[in-house]
């Protein structure tokens, strides 16, 4: 009889204290795991937003710089908030005639809303003119064009471009500002 009682106690299961202690330990482990996952997701969101913001600014800047380098002439419009690119004329053979501007195919870089209408406030960078315009990038909060070198006849020799992009994230705003100076000797 005594042996039967000992055998039943051994097979009877866990005590209430053992269950409470193991549940508490599991809750602490799960809480720590959840906290680490949330922190890593916030870090990933922040890093990916920074990457996208940097990439948007670099892509926009590179497109503008390439067009300036290929242009026959550049002009500032709207107090430096718009840049007009006048490409060189293309010969019948398909080559640039760098001495003649193609004023029929000029285009602008400017900020606007999603409609692309010049003069509207917005964070869309547009390339084009009139009804032939295309969005370049979104989330561009500032765009500025300046010149620190002009010829005696008033032609621009260099363009200082500033592009600022911004992305909202759960951890705050991520902002990238790029400035580049393009020396433009074709106008001299």
Protein backbone atom coordinates (compact mmCIF):
# COMPACT_ATOMS: atom_id res chain seq x y z
CA UNK A 1 0.00 0.00 0.00
CA UNK A 2 2.74 2.38 0.84
CA UNK A 3 4.44 1.59 -2.49
CA UNK A 4 1.19 2.21 -4.41
CA UNK A 5 0.89 5.70 -2.88
CA UNK A 6 4.47 6.58 -3.88
CA UNK A 7 3.91 5.33 -7.43
CA UNK A 8 0.71 7.41 -7.75
CA UNK A 9 2.48 10.57 -6.53
CA UNK A 10 5.22 10.08 -9.10
CA UNK A 11 2.68 9.75 -11.95
CA UNK A 12 0.26 12.40 -10.80
CA UNK A 13 1.65 15.32 -12.94
CA UNK A 14 2.92 18.82 -12.19
CA UNK A 15 2.18 20.85 -9.14
CA UNK A 16 0.57 24.26 -9.41
CA UNK A 17 3.84 25.98 -8.47
CA UNK A 18 5.71 24.17 -11.24
CA UNK A 19 3.11 25.20 -13.82
CA UNK A 20 3.17 28.85 -12.68
CA UNK A 21 6.97 29.00 -12.74
CA UNK A 22 7.23 27.41 -16.22
CA UNK A 23 4.47 29.71 -17.55
CA UNK A 24 6.31 32.73 -16.16
CA UNK A 25 9.58 31.66 -17.77
CA UNK A 26 7.87 31.08 -21.11
CA UNK A 27 6.17 34.49 -20.90
CA UNK A 28 9.54 36.18 -20.26
CA UNK A 29 11.16 34.35 -23.19
CA UNK A 30 8.26 35.24 -25.51
CA UNK A 31 8.31 38.88 -24.35
CA UNK A 32 12.04 39.18 -25.02
CA UNK A 33 11.66 37.52 -28.41
CA UNK A 34 8.80 39.84 -29.39
CA UNK A 35 10.76 42.90 -28.25
CA UNK A 36 13.78 41.84 -30.32
CA UNK A 37 11.59 41.23 -33.38
CA UNK A 38 9.90 44.61 -33.07
CA UNK A 39 13.26 46.37 -32.65
CA UNK A 40 14.74 44.58 -35.67
CA UNK A 41 11.67 45.44 -37.82
CA UNK A 42 11.97 49.12 -36.84
CA UNK A 43 15.68 49.05 -37.68
CA UNK A 44 14.93 47.41 -41.05
CA UNK A 45 12.19 49.96 -41.83
CA UNK A 46 14.51 52.83 -40.96
CA UNK A 47 17.42 51.46 -42.99
CA UNK A 48 15.27 50.66 -46.03
CA UNK A 49 13.62 54.11 -45.90
CA UNK A 50 17.08 55.71 -45.77
CA UNK A 51 18.19 53.60 -48.73
CA UNK A 52 15.11 54.49 -50.79
CA UNK A 53 15.48 58.18 -49.96
CA UNK A 54 19.17 58.16 -50.91
CA UNK A 55 18.44 56.25 -54.11
CA UNK A 56 15.64 58.64 -55.13
CA UNK A 57 17.89 61.67 -54.62
CA UNK A 58 20.82 60.11 -56.48
CA UNK A 59 18.66 58.99 -59.41
CA UNK A 60 17.04 62.40 -59.78
CA UNK A 61 20.40 64.16 -59.54
CA UNK A 62 22.05 61.88 -62.10
CA UNK A 63 19.24 62.39 -64.61
CA UNK A 64 19.46 66.19 -64.31
CA UNK A 65 23.27 66.20 -64.53
CA UNK A 66 23.23 64.00 -67.63
CA UNK A 67 20.74 66.27 -69.37
CA UNK A 68 22.74 69.40 -68.48
CA UNK A 69 25.93 67.88 -69.87
CA UNK A 70 24.18 67.06 -73.16
CA UNK A 71 22.41 70.42 -73.46
CA UNK A 72 23.15 73.19 -75.90
CA UNK A 73 21.90 75.76 -73.42
CA UNK A 74 20.37 75.89 -69.94
CA UNK A 75 18.18 78.60 -68.38
CA UNK A 76 16.76 79.26 -64.94
CA UNK A 77 13.04 79.91 -64.62
CA UNK A 78 10.86 80.82 -61.62
CA UNK A 79 13.70 82.16 -59.45
CA UNK A 80 15.80 79.02 -59.86
CA UNK A 81 13.01 76.58 -59.05
CA UNK A 82 12.82 75.38 -62.65
CA UNK A 83 15.59 74.51 -65.07
CA UNK A 84 15.03 74.69 -68.81
CA UNK A 85 17.19 72.41 -70.94
CA UNK A 86 17.60 73.28 -74.61
CA UNK A 87 19.17 70.30 -76.38
CA UNK A 88 21.41 70.57 -79.42
CA UNK A 89 19.91 70.10 -82.85
CA UNK A 90 20.16 66.60 -84.29
CA UNK A 91 21.47 66.31 -87.83
CA UNK A 92 19.93 64.08 -90.50
CA UNK A 93 22.67 61.53 -89.79
CA UNK A 94 21.57 61.39 -86.11
CA UNK A 95 24.50 63.34 -84.62
CA UNK A 96 24.36 66.39 -82.37
CA UNK A 97 25.06 69.75 -83.96
CA UNK A 98 26.33 71.37 -80.78
CA UNK A 99 26.33 74.85 -82.33
CA UNK A 100 22.56 74.98 -82.99
CA UNK A 101 19.91 74.78 -80.26
CA UNK A 102 16.78 72.70 -80.81
CA UNK A 103 14.22 75.03 -79.26
CA UNK A 104 11.34 72.89 -80.51
CA UNK A 105 12.30 70.07 -78.11
CA UNK A 106 13.25 71.98 -74.97
CA UNK A 107 12.07 70.71 -71.60
CA UNK A 108 12.06 71.71 -67.94
CA UNK A 109 12.82 70.13 -64.57
CA UNK A 110 10.46 71.30 -61.83
CA UNK A 111 8.44 70.24 -58.79
CA UNK A 112 4.68 69.92 -58.92
CA UNK A 113 1.86 67.77 -57.61
CA UNK A 114 0.78 64.48 -59.18
CA UNK A 115 -0.82 66.34 -62.12
CA UNK A 116 2.52 67.77 -63.28
CA UNK A 117 1.14 71.25 -63.89
CA UNK A 118 3.93 73.80 -63.39
CA UNK A 119 3.26 76.20 -60.54
CA UNK A 120 1.40 73.67 -58.37
CA UNK A 121 2.94 72.82 -55.01
CA UNK A 122 3.95 69.20 -54.63
CA UNK A 123 6.73 66.69 -54.14
CA UNK A 124 6.86 65.17 -57.61
CA UNK A 125 9.90 65.92 -59.78
CA UNK A 126 8.82 66.33 -63.41
CA UNK A 127 10.76 66.41 -66.68
CA UNK A 128 9.14 67.83 -69.77
CA UNK A 129 7.06 70.69 -71.02
CA UNK A 130 3.40 71.37 -71.78
CA UNK A 131 1.61 68.09 -72.45
CA UNK A 132 4.79 66.06 -72.96
CA UNK A 133 5.94 65.68 -69.35
CA UNK A 134 6.83 62.65 -67.29
CA UNK A 135 7.38 62.16 -63.57
CA UNK A 136 10.97 61.44 -62.60
CA UNK A 137 10.68 60.84 -58.83
CA UNK A 138 8.29 61.31 -55.94
CA UNK A 139 9.06 62.57 -52.44
CA UNK A 140 11.32 65.39 -53.67
CA UNK A 141 10.63 68.16 -51.17
CA UNK A 142 13.06 70.76 -52.53
CA UNK A 143 14.72 71.46 -55.86
CA UNK A 144 16.98 74.42 -56.53
CA UNK A 145 19.15 75.55 -59.40
CA UNK A 146 21.79 78.29 -59.11
CA UNK A 147 24.70 79.55 -61.14
CA UNK A 148 27.88 81.02 -59.78
CA UNK A 149 29.54 81.53 -63.15
CA UNK A 150 27.99 83.38 -66.08
CA UNK A 151 29.62 84.73 -69.26
CA UNK A 152 29.61 88.41 -70.17
CA UNK A 153 26.75 87.73 -72.58
CA UNK A 154 24.68 86.18 -69.76
CA UNK A 155 25.07 82.51 -70.67
CA UNK A 156 25.40 80.04 -67.83
CA UNK A 157 28.72 78.23 -67.43
CA UNK A 158 28.00 76.17 -64.31
CA UNK A 159 24.89 74.95 -62.55
CA UNK A 160 24.67 74.14 -58.85
CA UNK A 161 21.84 71.65 -58.32
CA UNK A 162 20.30 70.83 -54.94
CA UNK A 163 17.85 67.94 -54.63
CA UNK A 164 16.21 67.12 -51.28
CA UNK A 165 14.16 63.93 -50.87
CA UNK A 166 12.19 62.87 -47.82
CA UNK A 167 10.35 59.72 -46.75
CA UNK A 168 8.05 59.28 -43.76
CA UNK A 169 8.61 56.17 -41.65
CA UNK A 170 7.16 54.92 -38.37
CA UNK A 171 10.39 56.05 -36.69
CA UNK A 172 10.31 59.54 -38.23
CA UNK A 173 11.28 61.32 -41.42
CA UNK A 174 14.34 60.30 -43.43
CA UNK A 175 15.83 63.12 -45.46
CA UNK A 176 18.59 63.21 -48.07
CA UNK A 177 20.07 66.39 -49.52
CA UNK A 178 22.41 66.23 -52.49
CA UNK A 179 24.20 69.16 -54.06
CA UNK A 180 26.27 68.93 -57.20
CA UNK A 181 27.94 71.54 -59.37
CA UNK A 182 28.02 70.88 -63.10
CA UNK A 183 30.56 72.91 -65.03
CA UNK A 184 29.08 73.66 -68.38
CA UNK A 185 31.65 75.04 -70.81
CA UNK A 186 29.65 74.59 -74.01
CA UNK A 187 27.98 77.99 -73.55
CA UNK A 188 31.11 80.05 -73.25
